[in-house]
Amino acid sequence: CLVLDGPLGAELPTEEARRAHLMEASA
């Protein structure tokens, strides 16, 4: 939700950046 509809979406505009961030947070 933070990525799709929250502030992280604006901070991470590309799908590649979003996936990398999400995988790092999940790790």
mmCIF file of all heavy atoms, coordinates in Angstrom:
data_MODEL
# 
_entry.id   MODEL 
# 
loop_
_atom_site.group_PDB 
_atom_site.id 
_atom_site.type_symbol 
_atom_site.label_atom_id 
_atom_site.label_alt_id 
_atom_site.label_comp_id 
_atom_site.label_asym_id 
_atom_site.label_entity_id 
_atom_site.label_seq_id 
_atom_site.pdbx_PDB_ins_code 
_atom_site.Cartn_x 
_atom_site.Cartn_y 
_atom_site.Cartn_z 
_atom_site.occupancy 
_atom_site.B_iso_or_equiv 
_atom_site.pdbx_formal_charge 
_atom_site.auth_seq_id 
_atom_site.auth_comp_id 
_atom_site.auth_asym_id 
_atom_site.auth_atom_id 
_atom_site.pdbx_PDB_model_num 
ATOM 1   N N   . CYS A 1 1  ? 0.825  -1.215 0.000   1.00 0.00 ? 1  CYS A N   1 
ATOM 2   C CA  . CYS A 1 1  ? 0.000  0.000  0.000   1.00 0.00 ? 1  CYS A CA  1 
ATOM 3   C C   . CYS A 1 1  ? 0.859  1.264  0.000   1.00 0.00 ? 1  CYS A C   1 
ATOM 4   O O   . CYS A 1 1  ? 0.507  2.260  -0.635  1.00 0.00 ? 1  CYS A O   1 
ATOM 5   C CB  . CYS A 1 1  ? -0.926 -0.007 1.217   1.00 0.00 ? 1  CYS A CB  1 
ATOM 6   S SG  . CYS A 1 1  ? -2.231 -1.256 1.117   1.00 0.00 ? 1  CYS A SG  1 
ATOM 7   N N   . LEU A 1 2  ? 1.977  1.233  0.698   1.00 0.00 ? 2  LEU A N   1 
ATOM 8   C CA  . LEU A 1 2  ? 2.885  2.391  0.708   1.00 0.00 ? 2  LEU A CA  1 
ATOM 9   C C   . LEU A 1 2  ? 3.425  2.685  -0.691  1.00 0.00 ? 2  LEU A C   1 
ATOM 10  O O   . LEU A 1 2  ? 3.620  3.839  -1.064  1.00 0.00 ? 2  LEU A O   1 
ATOM 11  C CB  . LEU A 1 2  ? 4.040  2.148  1.672   1.00 0.00 ? 2  LEU A CB  1 
ATOM 12  C CG  . LEU A 1 2  ? 3.736  2.316  3.157   1.00 0.00 ? 2  LEU A CG  1 
ATOM 13  C CD1 . LEU A 1 2  ? 4.913  1.829  3.994   1.00 0.00 ? 2  LEU A CD1 1 
ATOM 14  C CD2 . LEU A 1 2  ? 3.411  3.768  3.495   1.00 0.00 ? 2  LEU A CD2 1 
ATOM 15  N N   . VAL A 1 3  ? 3.655  1.623  -1.454  1.00 0.00 ? 3  VAL A N   1 
ATOM 16  C CA  . VAL A 1 3  ? 4.184  1.810  -2.809  1.00 0.00 ? 3  VAL A CA  1 
ATOM 17  C C   . VAL A 1 3  ? 3.075  2.167  -3.798  1.00 0.00 ? 3  VAL A C   1 
ATOM 18  O O   . VAL A 1 3  ? 3.226  3.072  -4.619  1.00 0.00 ? 3  VAL A O   1 
ATOM 19  C CB  . VAL A 1 3  ? 4.929  0.542  -3.273  1.00 0.00 ? 3  VAL A CB  1 
ATOM 20  C CG1 . VAL A 1 3  ? 5.180  0.590  -4.773  1.00 0.00 ? 3  VAL A CG1 1 
ATOM 21  C CG2 . VAL A 1 3  ? 6.258  0.420  -2.540  1.00 0.00 ? 3  VAL A CG2 1 
ATOM 22  N N   . LEU A 1 4  ? 1.946  1.478  -3.712  1.00 0.00 ? 4  LEU A N   1 
ATOM 23  C CA  . LEU A 1 4  ? 0.886  1.698  -4.697  1.00 0.00 ? 4  LEU A CA  1 
ATOM 24  C C   . LEU A 1 4  ? 0.136  3.003  -4.475  1.00 0.00 ? 4  LEU A C   1 
ATOM 25  O O   . LEU A 1 4  ? -0.206 3.703  -5.436  1.00 0.00 ? 4  LEU A O   1 
ATOM 26  C CB  . LEU A 1 4  ? -0.100 0.524  -4.674  1.00 0.00 ? 4  LEU A CB  1 
ATOM 27  C CG  . LEU A 1 4  ? 0.442  -0.834 -5.101  1.00 0.00 ? 4  LEU A CG  1 
ATOM 28  C CD1 . LEU A 1 4  ? -0.654 -1.888 -5.003  1.00 0.00 ? 4  LEU A CD1 1 
ATOM 29  C CD2 . LEU A 1 4  ? 1.003  -0.784 -6.519  1.00 0.00 ? 4  LEU A CD2 1 
ATOM 30  N N   . ASP A 1 5  ? -0.135 3.340  -3.220  1.00 0.00 ? 5  ASP A N   1 
ATOM 31  C CA  . ASP A 1 5  ? -0.990 4.493  -2.932  1.00 0.00 ? 5  ASP A CA  1 
ATOM 32  C C   . ASP A 1 5  ? -0.407 5.445  -1.892  1.00 0.00 ? 5  ASP A C   1 
ATOM 33  O O   . ASP A 1 5  ? -1.095 6.378  -1.472  1.00 0.00 ? 5  ASP A O   1 
ATOM 34  C CB  . ASP A 1 5  ? -2.365 4.016  -2.450  1.00 0.00 ? 5  ASP A CB  1 
ATOM 35  C CG  . ASP A 1 5  ? -3.070 3.160  -3.492  1.00 0.00 ? 5  ASP A CG  1 
ATOM 36  O OD1 . ASP A 1 5  ? -3.172 3.607  -4.644  1.00 0.00 ? 5  ASP A OD1 1 
ATOM 37  O OD2 . ASP A 1 5  ? -3.492 2.040  -3.156  1.00 0.00 ? 5  ASP A OD2 1 
ATOM 38  N N   . GLY A 1 6  ? 0.813  5.227  -1.474  1.00 0.00 ? 6  GLY A N   1 
ATOM 39  C CA  . GLY A 1 6  ? 1.413  6.051  -0.446  1.00 0.00 ? 6  GLY A CA  1 
ATOM 40  C C   . GLY A 1 6  ? 2.645  6.796  -0.918  1.00 0.00 ? 6  GLY A C   1 
ATOM 41  O O   . GLY A 1 6  ? 2.956  6.824  -2.117  1.00 0.00 ? 6  GLY A O   1 
ATOM 42  N N   . PRO A 1 7  ? 3.389  7.366  0.015   1.00 0.00 ? 7  PRO A N   1 
ATOM 43  C CA  . PRO A 1 7  ? 4.535  8.214  -0.349  1.00 0.00 ? 7  PRO A CA  1 
ATOM 44  C C   . PRO A 1 7  ? 5.669  7.476  -1.044  1.00 0.00 ? 7  PRO A C   1 
ATOM 45  O O   . PRO A 1 7  ? 6.412  8.084  -1.813  1.00 0.00 ? 7  PRO A O   1 
ATOM 46  C CB  . PRO A 1 7  ? 4.997  8.778  1.003   1.00 0.00 ? 7  PRO A CB  1 
ATOM 47  C CG  . PRO A 1 7  ? 4.458  7.830  2.025   1.00 0.00 ? 7  PRO A CG  1 
ATOM 48  C CD  . PRO A 1 7  ? 3.171  7.335  1.476   1.00 0.00 ? 7  PRO A CD  1 
ATOM 49  N N   . LEU A 1 8  ? 5.801  6.168  -0.802  1.00 0.00 ? 8  LEU A N   1 
ATOM 50  C CA  . LEU A 1 8  ? 6.886  5.446  -1.460  1.00 0.00 ? 8  LEU A CA  1 
ATOM 51  C C   . LEU A 1 8  ? 6.706  5.397  -2.975  1.00 0.00 ? 8  LEU A C   1 
ATOM 52  O O   . LEU A 1 8  ? 7.678  5.296  -3.715  1.00 0.00 ? 8  LEU A O   1 
ATOM 53  C CB  . LEU A 1 8  ? 6.984  4.016  -0.915  1.00 0.00 ? 8  LEU A CB  1 
ATOM 54  C CG  . LEU A 1 8  ? 7.663  3.839  0.438   1.00 0.00 ? 8  LEU A CG  1 
ATOM 55  C CD1 . LEU A 1 8  ? 7.693  2.368  0.829   1.00 0.00 ? 8  LEU A CD1 1 
ATOM 56  C CD2 . LEU A 1 8  ? 9.073  4.406  0.412   1.00 0.00 ? 8  LEU A CD2 1 
ATOM 57  N N   . GLY A 1 9  ? 5.470  5.476  -3.420  1.00 0.00 ? 9  GLY A N   1 
ATOM 58  C CA  . GLY A 1 9  ? 5.222  5.456  -4.855  1.00 0.00 ? 9  GLY A CA  1 
ATOM 59  C C   . GLY A 1 9  ? 5.871  6.624  -5.566  1.00 0.00 ? 9  GLY A C   1 
ATOM 60  O O   . GLY A 1 9  ? 6.427  6.485  -6.654  1.00 0.00 ? 9  GLY A O   1 
ATOM 61  N N   . ALA A 1 10 ? 5.809  7.803  -4.915  1.00 0.00 ? 10 ALA A N   1 
ATOM 62  C CA  . ALA A 1 10 ? 6.424  8.993  -5.510  1.00 0.00 ? 10 ALA A CA  1 
ATOM 63  C C   . ALA A 1 10 ? 7.937  8.956  -5.390  1.00 0.00 ? 10 ALA A C   1 
ATOM 64  O O   . ALA A 1 10 ? 8.655  9.416  -6.281  1.00 0.00 ? 10 ALA A O   1 
ATOM 65  C CB  . ALA A 1 10 ? 5.874  10.248 -4.838  1.00 0.00 ? 10 ALA A CB  1 
ATOM 66  N N   . GLU A 1 11 ? 8.427  8.399  -4.291  1.00 0.00 ? 11 GLU A N   1 
ATOM 67  C CA  . GLU A 1 11 ? 9.873  8.341  -4.073  1.00 0.00 ? 11 GLU A CA  1 
ATOM 68  C C   . GLU A 1 11 ? 10.543 7.288  -4.946  1.00 0.00 ? 11 GLU A C   1 
ATOM 69  O O   . GLU A 1 11 ? 11.744 7.392  -5.238  1.00 0.00 ? 11 GLU A O   1 
ATOM 70  C CB  . GLU A 1 11 ? 10.159 8.055  -2.599  1.00 0.00 ? 11 GLU A CB  1 
ATOM 71  C CG  . GLU A 1 11 ? 9.701  9.165  -1.656  1.00 0.00 ? 11 GLU A CG  1 
ATOM 72  C CD  . GLU A 1 11 ? 9.831  8.755  -0.202  1.00 0.00 ? 11 GLU A CD  1 
ATOM 73  O OE1 . GLU A 1 11 ? 10.572 7.784  0.082   1.00 0.00 ? 11 GLU A OE1 1 
ATOM 74  O OE2 . GLU A 1 11 ? 9.198  9.402  0.651   1.00 0.00 ? 11 GLU A OE2 1 
ATOM 75  N N   . LEU A 1 12 ? 9.765  6.280  -5.339  1.00 0.00 ? 12 LEU A N   1 
ATOM 76  C CA  . LEU A 1 12 ? 10.304 5.178  -6.149  1.00 0.00 ? 12 LEU A CA  1 
ATOM 77  C C   . LEU A 1 12 ? 9.464  5.087  -7.426  1.00 0.00 ? 12 LEU A C   1 
ATOM 78  O O   . LEU A 1 12 ? 8.566  4.251  -7.539  1.00 0.00 ? 12 LEU A O   1 
ATOM 79  C CB  . LEU A 1 12 ? 10.232 3.862  -5.368  1.00 0.00 ? 12 LEU A CB  1 
ATOM 80  C CG  . LEU A 1 12 ? 10.918 3.855  -3.998  1.00 0.00 ? 12 LEU A CG  1 
ATOM 81  C CD1 . LEU A 1 12 ? 10.510 2.624  -3.198  1.00 0.00 ? 12 LEU A CD1 1 
ATOM 82  C CD2 . LEU A 1 12 ? 12.432 3.895  -4.163  1.00 0.00 ? 12 LEU A CD2 1 
ATOM 83  N N   . PRO A 1 13 ? 9.750  5.921  -8.422  1.00 0.00 ? 13 PRO A N   1 
ATOM 84  C CA  . PRO A 1 13 ? 8.871  6.018  -9.588  1.00 0.00 ? 13 PRO A CA  1 
ATOM 85  C C   . PRO A 1 13 ? 8.939  4.842  -10.556 1.00 0.00 ? 13 PRO A C   1 
ATOM 86  O O   . PRO A 1 13 ? 8.016  4.635  -11.338 1.00 0.00 ? 13 PRO A O   1 
ATOM 87  C CB  . PRO A 1 13 ? 9.335  7.311  -10.273 1.00 0.00 ? 13 PRO A CB  1 
ATOM 88  C CG  . PRO A 1 13 ? 10.764 7.463  -9.856  1.00 0.00 ? 13 PRO A CG  1 
ATOM 89  C CD  . PRO A 1 13 ? 10.849 6.907  -8.469  1.00 0.00 ? 13 PRO A CD  1 
ATOM 90  N N   . THR A 1 14 ? 10.034 4.071  -10.547 1.00 0.00 ? 14 THR A N   1 
ATOM 91  C CA  . THR A 1 14 ? 10.145 2.965  -11.500 1.00 0.00 ? 14 THR A CA  1 
ATOM 92  C C   . THR A 1 14 ? 9.859  1.635  -10.810 1.00 0.00 ? 14 THR A C   1 
ATOM 93  O O   . THR A 1 14 ? 10.090 1.475  -9.605  1.00 0.00 ? 14 THR A O   1 
ATOM 94  C CB  . THR A 1 14 ? 11.545 2.908  -12.126 1.00 0.00 ? 14 THR A CB  1 
ATOM 95  O OG1 . THR A 1 14 ? 12.502 2.524  -11.120 1.00 0.00 ? 14 THR A OG1 1 
ATOM 96  C CG2 . THR A 1 14 ? 11.939 4.258  -12.696 1.00 0.00 ? 14 THR A CG2 1 
ATOM 97  N N   . GLU A 1 15 ? 9.374  0.680  -11.600 1.00 0.00 ? 15 GLU A N   1 
ATOM 98  C CA  . GLU A 1 15 ? 9.090  -0.637 -11.017 1.00 0.00 ? 15 GLU A CA  1 
ATOM 99  C C   . GLU A 1 15 ? 10.367 -1.304 -10.520 1.00 0.00 ? 15 GLU A C   1 
ATOM 100 O O   . GLU A 1 15 ? 10.359 -1.993 -9.495  1.00 0.00 ? 15 GLU A O   1 
ATOM 101 C CB  . GLU A 1 15 ? 8.395  -1.541 -12.043 1.00 0.00 ? 15 GLU A CB  1 
ATOM 102 C CG  . GLU A 1 15 ? 8.017  -2.894 -11.457 1.00 0.00 ? 15 GLU A CG  1 
ATOM 103 C CD  . GLU A 1 15 ? 7.105  -3.701 -12.348 1.00 0.00 ? 15 GLU A CD  1 
ATOM 104 O OE1 . GLU A 1 15 ? 6.456  -3.115 -13.239 1.00 0.00 ? 15 GLU A OE1 1 
ATOM 105 O OE2 . GLU A 1 15 ? 7.044  -4.928 -12.152 1.00 0.00 ? 15 GLU A OE2 1 
ATOM 106 N N   . GLU A 1 16 ? 11.459 -1.093 -11.232 1.00 0.00 ? 16 GLU A N   1 
ATOM 107 C CA  . GLU A 1 16 ? 12.723 -1.677 -10.804 1.00 0.00 ? 16 GLU A CA  1 
ATOM 108 C C   . GLU A 1 16 ? 13.125 -1.166 -9.422  1.00 0.00 ? 16 GLU A C   1 
ATOM 109 O O   . GLU A 1 16 ? 13.539 -1.942 -8.554  1.00 0.00 ? 16 GLU A O   1 
ATOM 110 C CB  . GLU A 1 16 ? 13.817 -1.346 -11.818 1.00 0.00 ? 16 GLU A CB  1 
ATOM 111 C CG  . GLU A 1 16 ? 15.181 -1.950 -11.475 1.00 0.00 ? 16 GLU A CG  1 
ATOM 112 C CD  . GLU A 1 16 ? 16.251 -1.598 -12.485 1.00 0.00 ? 16 GLU A CD  1 
ATOM 113 O OE1 . GLU A 1 16 ? 15.973 -0.783 -13.386 1.00 0.00 ? 16 GLU A OE1 1 
ATOM 114 O OE2 . GLU A 1 16 ? 17.371 -2.130 -12.369 1.00 0.00 ? 16 GLU A OE2 1 
ATOM 115 N N   . ALA A 1 17 ? 12.993 0.141  -9.208  1.00 0.00 ? 17 ALA A N   1 
ATOM 116 C CA  . ALA A 1 17 ? 13.335 0.727  -7.910  1.00 0.00 ? 17 ALA A CA  1 
ATOM 117 C C   . ALA A 1 17 ? 12.389 0.224  -6.833  1.00 0.00 ? 17 ALA A C   1 
ATOM 118 O O   . ALA A 1 17 ? 12.813 -0.044 -5.695  1.00 0.00 ? 17 ALA A O   1 
ATOM 119 C CB  . ALA A 1 17 ? 13.286 2.250  -7.994  1.00 0.00 ? 17 ALA A CB  1 
ATOM 120 N N   . ARG A 1 18 ? 11.126 0.089  -7.169  1.00 0.00 ? 18 ARG A N   1 
ATOM 121 C CA  . ARG A 1 18 ? 10.145 -0.389 -6.192  1.00 0.00 ? 18 ARG A CA  1 
ATOM 122 C C   . ARG A 1 18 ? 10.433 -1.826 -5.786  1.00 0.00 ? 18 ARG A C   1 
ATOM 123 O O   . ARG A 1 18 ? 10.418 -2.160 -4.593  1.00 0.00 ? 18 ARG A O   1 
ATOM 124 C CB  . ARG A 1 18 ? 8.733  -0.274 -6.777  1.00 0.00 ? 18 ARG A CB  1 
ATOM 125 C CG  . ARG A 1 18 ? 8.281  1.158  -6.967  1.00 0.00 ? 18 ARG A CG  1 
ATOM 126 C CD  . ARG A 1 18 ? 6.896  1.251  -7.582  1.00 0.00 ? 18 ARG A CD  1 
ATOM 127 N NE  . ARG A 1 18 ? 6.477  2.637  -7.708  1.00 0.00 ? 18 ARG A NE  1 
ATOM 128 C CZ  . ARG A 1 18 ? 5.263  3.022  -8.091  1.00 0.00 ? 18 ARG A CZ  1 
ATOM 129 N NH1 . ARG A 1 18 ? 4.342  2.107  -8.389  1.00 0.00 ? 18 ARG A NH1 1 
ATOM 130 N NH2 . ARG A 1 18 ? 4.963  4.308  -8.166  1.00 0.00 ? 18 ARG A NH2 1 
ATOM 131 N N   . ARG A 1 19 ? 10.699 -2.668 -6.756  1.00 0.00 ? 19 ARG A N   1 
ATOM 132 C CA  . ARG A 1 19 ? 10.984 -4.063 -6.430  1.00 0.00 ? 19 ARG A CA  1 
ATOM 133 C C   . ARG A 1 19 ? 12.243 -4.180 -5.574  1.00 0.00 ? 19 ARG A C   1 
ATOM 134 O O   . ARG A 1 19 ? 12.277 -4.950 -4.604  1.00 0.00 ? 19 ARG A O   1 
ATOM 135 C CB  . ARG A 1 19 ? 11.140 -4.887 -7.712  1.00 0.00 ? 19 ARG A CB  1 
ATOM 136 C CG  . ARG A 1 19 ? 9.829  -5.202 -8.416  1.00 0.00 ? 19 ARG A CG  1 
ATOM 137 C CD  . ARG A 1 19 ? 10.041 -6.113 -9.608  1.00 0.00 ? 19 ARG A CD  1 
ATOM 138 N NE  . ARG A 1 19 ? 8.799  -6.374 -10.298 1.00 0.00 ? 19 ARG A NE  1 
ATOM 139 C CZ  . ARG A 1 19 ? 7.946  -7.353 -9.990  1.00 0.00 ? 19 ARG A CZ  1 
ATOM 140 N NH1 . ARG A 1 19 ? 8.227  -8.179 -8.997  1.00 0.00 ? 19 ARG A NH1 1 
ATOM 141 N NH2 . ARG A 1 19 ? 6.838  -7.531 -10.691 1.00 0.00 ? 19 ARG A NH2 1 
ATOM 142 N N   . ALA A 1 20 ? 13.270 -3.425 -5.922  1.00 0.00 ? 20 ALA A N   1 
ATOM 143 C CA  . ALA A 1 20 ? 14.516 -3.486 -5.163  1.00 0.00 ? 20 ALA A CA  1 
ATOM 144 C C   . ALA A 1 20 ? 14.290 -3.051 -3.719  1.00 0.00 ? 20 ALA A C   1 
ATOM 145 O O   . ALA A 1 20 ? 14.780 -3.688 -2.767  1.00 0.00 ? 20 ALA A O   1 
ATOM 146 C CB  . ALA A 1 20 ? 15.578 -2.609 -5.825  1.00 0.00 ? 20 ALA A CB  1 
ATOM 147 N N   . HIS A 1 21 ? 13.544 -1.964 -3.528  1.00 0.00 ? 21 HIS A N   1 
ATOM 148 C CA  . HIS A 1 21 ? 13.270 -1.472 -2.181  1.00 0.00 ? 21 HIS A CA  1 
ATOM 149 C C   . HIS A 1 21 ? 12.450 -2.477 -1.383  1.00 0.00 ? 21 HIS A C   1 
ATOM 150 O O   . HIS A 1 21 ? 12.757 -2.751 -0.209  1.00 0.00 ? 21 HIS A O   1 
ATOM 151 C CB  . HIS A 1 21 ? 12.515 -0.142 -2.255  1.00 0.00 ? 21 HIS A CB  1 
ATOM 152 C CG  . HIS A 1 21 ? 12.170 0.427  -0.919  1.00 0.00 ? 21 HIS A CG  1 
ATOM 153 N ND1 . HIS A 1 21 ? 13.041 1.206  -0.199  1.00 0.00 ? 21 HIS A ND1 1 
ATOM 154 C CD2 . HIS A 1 21 ? 11.046 0.308  -0.159  1.00 0.00 ? 21 HIS A CD2 1 
ATOM 155 C CE1 . HIS A 1 21 ? 12.485 1.556  0.942   1.00 0.00 ? 21 HIS A CE1 1 
ATOM 156 N NE2 . HIS A 1 21 ? 11.268 1.024  0.989   1.00 0.00 ? 21 HIS A NE2 1 
ATOM 157 N N   . LEU A 1 22 ? 11.417 -3.017 -2.000  1.00 0.00 ? 22 LEU A N   1 
ATOM 158 C CA  . LEU A 1 22 ? 10.549 -3.972 -1.304  1.00 0.00 ? 22 LEU A CA  1 
ATOM 159 C C   . LEU A 1 22 ? 11.300 -5.234 -0.917  1.00 0.00 ? 22 LEU A C   1 
ATOM 160 O O   . LEU A 1 22 ? 11.111 -5.781 0.178   1.00 0.00 ? 22 LEU A O   1 
ATOM 161 C CB  . LEU A 1 22 ? 9.343  -4.315 -2.176  1.00 0.00 ? 22 LEU A CB  1 
ATOM 162 C CG  . LEU A 1 22 ? 8.360  -3.157 -2.423  1.00 0.00 ? 22 LEU A CG  1 
ATOM 163 C CD1 . LEU A 1 22 ? 7.272  -3.593 -3.390  1.00 0.00 ? 22 LEU A CD1 1 
ATOM 164 C CD2 . LEU A 1 22 ? 7.747  -2.675 -1.117  1.00 0.00 ? 22 LEU A CD2 1 
ATOM 165 N N   . MET A 1 23 ? 12.162 -5.709 -1.796  1.00 0.00 ? 23 MET A N   1 
ATOM 166 C CA  . MET A 1 23 ? 12.922 -6.913 -1.481  1.00 0.00 ? 23 MET A CA  1 
ATOM 167 C C   . MET A 1 23 ? 13.945 -6.656 -0.370  1.00 0.00 ? 23 MET A C   1 
ATOM 168 O O   . MET A 1 23 ? 14.177 -7.511 0.482   1.00 0.00 ? 23 MET A O   1 
ATOM 169 C CB  . MET A 1 23 ? 13.606 -7.447 -2.735  1.00 0.00 ? 23 MET A CB  1 
ATOM 170 C CG  . MET A 1 23 ? 12.650 -8.014 -3.787  1.00 0.00 ? 23 MET A CG  1 
ATOM 171 S SD  . MET A 1 23 ? 11.534 -9.308 -3.144  1.00 0.00 ? 23 MET A SD  1 
ATOM 172 C CE  . MET A 1 23 ? 10.046 -8.354 -2.756  1.00 0.00 ? 23 MET A CE  1 
ATOM 173 N N   . GLU A 1 24 ? 14.526 -5.458 -0.360  1.00 0.00 ? 24 GLU A N   1 
ATOM 174 C CA  . GLU A 1 24 ? 15.470 -5.125 0.711   1.00 0.00 ? 24 GLU A CA  1 
ATOM 175 C C   . GLU A 1 24 ? 14.750 -5.035 2.055   1.00 0.00 ? 24 GLU A C   1 
ATOM 176 O O   . GLU A 1 24 ? 15.225 -5.550 3.070   1.00 0.00 ? 24 GLU A O   1 
ATOM 177 C CB  . GLU A 1 24 ? 16.175 -3.802 0.407   1.00 0.00 ? 24 GLU A CB  1 
ATOM 178 C CG  . GLU A 1 24 ? 17.215 -3.423 1.467   1.00 0.00 ? 24 GLU A CG  1 
ATOM 179 C CD  . GLU A 1 24 ? 17.915 -2.114 1.165   1.00 0.00 ? 24 GLU A CD  1 
ATOM 180 O OE1 . GLU A 1 24 ? 17.631 -1.496 0.113   1.00 0.00 ? 24 GLU A OE1 1 
ATOM 181 O OE2 . GLU A 1 24 ? 18.760 -1.705 1.998   1.00 0.00 ? 24 GLU A OE2 1 
ATOM 182 N N   . ALA A 1 25 ? 13.589 -4.373 2.063   1.00 0.00 ? 25 ALA A N   1 
ATOM 183 C CA  . ALA A 1 25 ? 12.807 -4.269 3.294   1.00 0.00 ? 25 ALA A CA  1 
ATOM 184 C C   . ALA A 1 25 ? 12.374 -5.644 3.779   1.00 0.00 ? 25 ALA A C   1 
ATOM 185 O O   . ALA A 1 25 ? 12.410 -5.939 4.988   1.00 0.00 ? 25 ALA A O   1 
ATOM 186 C CB  . ALA A 1 25 ? 11.588 -3.381 3.059   1.00 0.00 ? 25 ALA A CB  1 
ATOM 187 N N   . SER A 1 26 ? 11.998 -6.517 2.858   1.00 0.00 ? 26 SER A N   1 
ATOM 188 C CA  . SER A 1 26 ? 11.558 -7.865 3.224   1.00 0.00 ? 26 SER A CA  1 
ATOM 189 C C   . SER A 1 26 ? 12.713 -8.700 3.748   1.00 0.00 ? 26 SER A C   1 
ATOM 190 O O   . SER A 1 26 ? 12.534 -9.531 4.645   1.00 0.00 ? 26 SER A O   1 
ATOM 191 C CB  . SER A 1 26 ? 10.915 -8.556 2.021   1.00 0.00 ? 26 SER A CB  1 
ATOM 192 O OG  . SER A 1 26 ? 9.754  -7.860 1.624   1.00 0.00 ? 26 SER A OG  1 
ATOM 193 N N   . ALA A 1 27 ? 13.899 -8.479 3.226   1.00 0.00 ? 27 ALA A N   1 
ATOM 194 C CA  . ALA A 1 27 ? 15.075 -9.190 3.726   1.00 0.00 ? 27 ALA A CA  1 
ATOM 195 C C   . ALA A 1 27 ? 15.371 -8.783 5.162   1.00 0.00 ? 27 ALA A C   1 
ATOM 196 O O   . ALA A 1 27 ? 15.700 -9.629 6.016   1.00 0.00 ? 27 ALA A O   1 
ATOM 197 C CB  . ALA A 1 27 ? 16.277 -8.905 2.830   1.00 0.00 ? 27 ALA A CB  1 
# 
